[in-house]
C-alpha atoms as a PDB file:
ATOM      1  CA  UNK A   1     -72.543  86.730  90.508  1.00  0.00           C
ATOM      2  CA  UNK A   2     -72.661  85.108  87.136  1.00  0.00           C
ATOM      3  CA  UNK A   3     -73.982  87.046  84.010  1.00  0.00           C
ATOM      4  CA  UNK A   4     -76.987  85.432  82.354  1.00  0.00           C
ATOM      5  CA  UNK A   5     -79.398  86.429  79.571  1.00  0.00           C
ATOM      6  CA  UNK A   6     -82.899  87.572  80.410  1.00  0.00           C
ATOM      7  CA  UNK A   7     -85.755  88.103  78.074  1.00  0.00           C
ATOM      8  CA  UNK A   8     -88.742  90.373  78.792  1.00  0.00           C
ATOM      9  CA  UNK A   9     -91.819  90.719  76.426  1.00  0.00           C
ATOM     10  CA  UNK A  10     -94.882  92.652  75.867  1.00  0.00           C
ATOM     11  CA  UNK A  11     -97.651  92.593  73.192  1.00  0.00           C
ATOM     12  CA  UNK A  12     -98.571  96.080  72.068  1.00  0.00           C
ATOM     13  CA  UNK A  13    -102.022  96.826  70.503  1.00  0.00           C
ATOM     14  CA  UNK A  14    -100.464  98.738  67.518  1.00  0.00           C
ATOM     15  CA  UNK A  15     -98.939  97.941  64.231  1.00  0.00           C
ATOM     16  CA  UNK A  16     -95.190  97.317  63.967  1.00  0.00           C
ATOM     17  CA  UNK A  17     -94.429 100.612  62.224  1.00  0.00           C
ATOM     18  CA  UNK A  18     -95.898 102.656  65.052  1.00  0.00           C
ATOM     19  CA  UNK A  19     -94.283 100.545  67.739  1.00  0.00           C
ATOM     20  CA  UNK A  20     -90.864 100.785  66.157  1.00  0.00           C
ATOM     21  CA  UNK A  21     -91.269 104.543  65.861  1.00  0.00           C
ATOM     22  CA  UNK A  22     -92.335 105.023  69.503  1.00  0.00           C
ATOM     23  CA  UNK A  23     -89.569 102.685  70.665  1.00  0.00           C
ATOM     24  CA  UNK A  24     -86.745 104.450  68.837  1.00  0.00           C
ATOM     25  CA  UNK A  25     -87.713 108.132  68.498  1.00  0.00           C
ATOM     26  CA  UNK A  26     -86.362 110.269  71.390  1.00  0.00           C
ATOM     27  CA  UNK A  27     -89.537 112.449  71.379  1.00  0.00           C
ATOM     28  CA  UNK A  28     -91.345 109.208  72.531  1.00  0.00           C
ATOM     29  CA  UNK A  29     -88.506 107.613  74.546  1.00  0.00           C
ATOM     30  CA  UNK A  30     -88.622 110.427  77.082  1.00  0.00           C
ATOM     31  CA  UNK A  31     -92.384 109.761  77.708  1.00  0.00           C
ATOM     32  CA  UNK A  32     -91.985 106.027  78.649  1.00  0.00           C
ATOM     33  CA  UNK A  33     -88.345 105.091  79.470  1.00  0.00           C
ATOM     34  CA  UNK A  34     -88.659 104.607  83.233  1.00  0.00           C
ATOM     35  CA  UNK A  35     -89.800 101.841  85.510  1.00  0.00           C
ATOM     36  CA  UNK A  36     -92.165 103.697  87.893  1.00  0.00           C
ATOM     37  CA  UNK A  37     -94.055 106.953  88.159  1.00  0.00           C
ATOM     38  CA  UNK A  38     -91.498 108.488  90.516  1.00  0.00           C
ATOM     39  CA  UNK A  39     -88.875 108.322  87.835  1.00  0.00           C
ATOM     40  CA  UNK A  40     -88.462 110.151  84.536  1.00  0.00           C
ATOM     41  CA  UNK A  41     -86.378 110.239  81.380  1.00  0.00           C
ATOM     42  CA  UNK A  42     -85.714 114.014  80.827  1.00  0.00           C
ATOM     43  CA  UNK A  43     -83.465 113.569  77.885  1.00  0.00           C
ATOM     44  CA  UNK A  44     -82.681 110.918  75.104  1.00  0.00           C
ATOM     45  CA  UNK A  45     -80.748 110.831  71.874  1.00  0.00           C
ATOM     46  CA  UNK A  46     -80.684 108.088  69.350  1.00  0.00           C
ATOM     47  CA  UNK A  47     -78.288 107.784  66.306  1.00  0.00           C
ATOM     48  CA  UNK A  48     -80.051 104.807  64.854  1.00  0.00           C
ATOM     49  CA  UNK A  49     -77.345 103.221  62.625  1.00  0.00           C
ATOM     50  CA  UNK A  50     -74.625 100.607  63.079  1.00  0.00           C
ATOM     51  CA  UNK A  51     -72.004 102.271  65.276  1.00  0.00           C
ATOM     52  CA  UNK A  52     -74.458 104.939  66.235  1.00  0.00           C
ATOM     53  CA  UNK A  53     -74.995 105.914  69.883  1.00  0.00           C
ATOM     54  CA  UNK A  54     -78.146 105.619  72.029  1.00  0.00           C
ATOM     55  CA  UNK A  55     -78.238 107.756  75.232  1.00  0.00           C
ATOM     56  CA  UNK A  56     -80.951 108.245  77.826  1.00  0.00           C
ATOM     57  CA  UNK A  57     -80.890 110.184  81.129  1.00  0.00           C
ATOM     58  CA  UNK A  58     -82.918 108.354  83.779  1.00  0.00           C
ATOM     59  CA  UNK A  59     -83.494 109.970  87.223  1.00  0.00           C
ATOM     60  CA  UNK A  60     -85.750 110.047  90.184  1.00  0.00           C
ATOM     61  CA  UNK A  61     -88.156 112.913  90.008  1.00  0.00           C
ATOM     62  CA  UNK A  62     -87.067 114.017  93.495  1.00  0.00           C
ATOM     63  CA  UNK A  63     -83.515 114.373  92.230  1.00  0.00           C
ATOM     64  CA  UNK A  64     -82.189 111.853  94.744  1.00  0.00           C
ATOM     65  CA  UNK A  65     -80.603 109.573  92.018  1.00  0.00           C
ATOM     66  CA  UNK A  66     -79.959 109.438  88.383  1.00  0.00           C
ATOM     67  CA  UNK A  67     -77.839 107.788  85.632  1.00  0.00           C
ATOM     68  CA  UNK A  68     -77.037 107.902  81.928  1.00  0.00           C
ATOM     69  CA  UNK A  69     -77.828 104.743  79.967  1.00  0.00           C
ATOM     70  CA  UNK A  70     -75.654 104.586  76.927  1.00  0.00           C
ATOM     71  CA  UNK A  71     -75.136 101.960  74.157  1.00  0.00           C
ATOM     72  CA  UNK A  72     -73.673 101.565  70.719  1.00  0.00           C
ATOM     73  CA  UNK A  73     -75.627  99.793  67.918  1.00  0.00           C
ATOM     74  CA  UNK A  74     -73.978  96.623  66.612  1.00  0.00           C
ATOM     75  CA  UNK A  75     -76.748  95.747  64.015  1.00  0.00           C
ATOM     76  CA  UNK A  76     -80.066  97.220  62.950  1.00  0.00           C
ATOM     77  CA  UNK A  77     -82.633  95.767  60.627  1.00  0.00           C
ATOM     78  CA  UNK A  78     -85.114  98.606  60.213  1.00  0.00           C
ATOM     79  CA  UNK A  79     -88.508  97.743  61.681  1.00  0.00           C
ATOM     80  CA  UNK A  80     -87.369  94.282  62.778  1.00  0.00           C
ATOM     81  CA  UNK A  81     -84.531  94.094  65.256  1.00  0.00           C
ATOM     82  CA  UNK A  82     -81.606  95.959  66.696  1.00  0.00           C
ATOM     83  CA  UNK A  83     -78.585  94.803  68.829  1.00  0.00           C
ATOM     84  CA  UNK A  84     -76.482  96.964  70.975  1.00  0.00           C
ATOM     85  CA  UNK A  85     -73.560  96.941  73.461  1.00  0.00           C
ATOM     86  CA  UNK A  86     -73.945  98.795  76.682  1.00  0.00           C
ATOM     87  CA  UNK A  87     -71.189 100.952  78.140  1.00  0.00           C
ATOM     88  CA  UNK A  88     -70.008  98.180  80.424  1.00  0.00           C
ATOM     89  CA  UNK A  89     -69.839  95.616  77.547  1.00  0.00           C
ATOM     90  CA  UNK A  90     -73.103  93.802  78.098  1.00  0.00           C
ATOM     91  CA  UNK A  91     -75.224  93.011  75.073  1.00  0.00           C
ATOM     92  CA  UNK A  92     -78.910  93.396  74.335  1.00  0.00           C
ATOM     93  CA  UNK A  93     -81.282  92.732  71.470  1.00  0.00           C
ATOM     94  CA  UNK A  94     -84.709  94.091  70.731  1.00  0.00           C
ATOM     95  CA  UNK A  95     -86.994  92.240  68.422  1.00  0.00           C
ATOM     96  CA  UNK A  96     -90.362  93.478  66.908  1.00  0.00           C
ATOM     97  CA  UNK A  97     -92.626  90.695  65.825  1.00  0.00           C
ATOM     98  CA  UNK A  98     -95.628  91.565  63.675  1.00  0.00           C
ATOM     99  CA  UNK A  99     -98.799  89.880  64.985  1.00  0.00           C
ATOM    100  CA  UNK A 100    -101.175  91.679  62.618  1.00  0.00           C
ATOM    101  CA  UNK A 101    -102.781  94.541  64.375  1.00  0.00           C
ATOM    102  CA  UNK A 102    -100.517  93.950  67.341  1.00  0.00           C
ATOM    103  CA  UNK A 103     -96.715  93.776  67.794  1.00  0.00           C
ATOM    104  CA  UNK A 104     -94.750  91.633  70.250  1.00  0.00           C
ATOM    105  CA  UNK A 105     -91.571  93.402  71.527  1.00  0.00           C
ATOM    106  CA  UNK A 106     -88.942  91.125  73.046  1.00  0.00           C
ATOM    107  CA  UNK A 107     -85.937  92.482  74.777  1.00  0.00           C
ATOM    108  CA  UNK A 108     -83.056  90.047  75.690  1.00  0.00           C
ATOM    109  CA  UNK A 109     -80.101  91.454  77.771  1.00  0.00           C
ATOM    110  CA  UNK A 110     -77.050  90.379  79.611  1.00  0.00           C
ATOM    111  CA  UNK A 111     -77.400  90.833  83.380  1.00  0.00           C
ATOM    112  CA  UNK A 112     -74.997  92.973  85.308  1.00  0.00           C
ATOM    113  CA  UNK A 113     -73.480  91.783  88.603  1.00  0.00           C
ATOM    114  CA  UNK A 114     -74.654  94.406  91.170  1.00  0.00           C
ATOM    115  CA  UNK A 115     -78.291  93.577  91.355  1.00  0.00           C
ATOM    116  CA  UNK A 116     -80.092  90.215  91.361  1.00  0.00           C
ATOM    117  CA  UNK A 117     -81.314  88.765  88.069  1.00  0.00           C
ATOM    118  CA  UNK A 118     -84.951  88.962  89.359  1.00  0.00           C
ATOM    119  CA  UNK A 119     -84.550  92.658  90.210  1.00  0.00           C
ATOM    120  CA  UNK A 120     -83.231  93.296  86.719  1.00  0.00           C
ATOM    121  CA  UNK A 121     -85.936  91.304  85.017  1.00  0.00           C
ATOM    122  CA  UNK A 122     -88.544  93.206  87.016  1.00  0.00           C
ATOM    123  CA  UNK A 123     -87.022  96.624  86.156  1.00  0.00           C
ATOM    124  CA  UNK A 124     -86.612  95.983  82.452  1.00  0.00           C
ATOM    125  CA  UNK A 125     -90.150  94.414  82.417  1.00  0.00           C
ATOM    126  CA  UNK A 126     -91.581  97.421  84.143  1.00  0.00           C
ATOM    127  CA  UNK A 127     -89.966  99.790  81.637  1.00  0.00           C
ATOM    128  CA  UNK A 128     -91.406  97.640  78.694  1.00  0.00           C
ATOM    129  CA  UNK A 129     -94.844  97.640  80.444  1.00  0.00           C
ATOM    130  CA  UNK A 130     -94.612 101.475  80.601  1.00  0.00           C
ATOM    131  CA  UNK A 131     -93.783 101.508  76.869  1.00  0.00           C
ATOM    132  CA  UNK A 132     -96.882  99.432  76.232  1.00  0.00           C
ATOM    133  CA  UNK A 133     -99.086 101.763  78.256  1.00  0.00           C
ATOM    134  CA  UNK A 134     -97.641 104.876  76.521  1.00  0.00           C
ATOM    135  CA  UNK A 135     -97.869 103.418  72.986  1.00  0.00           C
ATOM    136  CA  UNK A 136    -101.437 102.123  73.373  1.00  0.00           C
ATOM    137  CA  UNK A 137    -102.689 105.498  74.894  1.00  0.00           C
ATOM    138  CA  UNK A 138    -101.095 107.701  72.122  1.00  0.00           C
END
């Protein structure tokens, strides 16, 4: 299976400063970083600097499966964009676009080869949708 780039997006009804904070602060990450209600993110850490490490534990609530998602930051422009490299070498970029009283978040990532591109797109979009729901409710 060939690696490709996929972009998922959401428009959050909140200003860019709040959206950045909720997306990057581990206190908030643990509240939204999962694709469905039967999963959770019990732990996250985020050393938000070039060369810094991001880590999030993602697992099924019933304990049947879990994994650690880790990445190293390649570039950060505070409040605007960050790029990172995942543990397996794949790249991703997250862009925060100010729309006035709303913020568009775009995540572009390299696919992996174990799951279909459609499954990966759906999973990353579900996590972003969960972020939107959390950010707008808090």
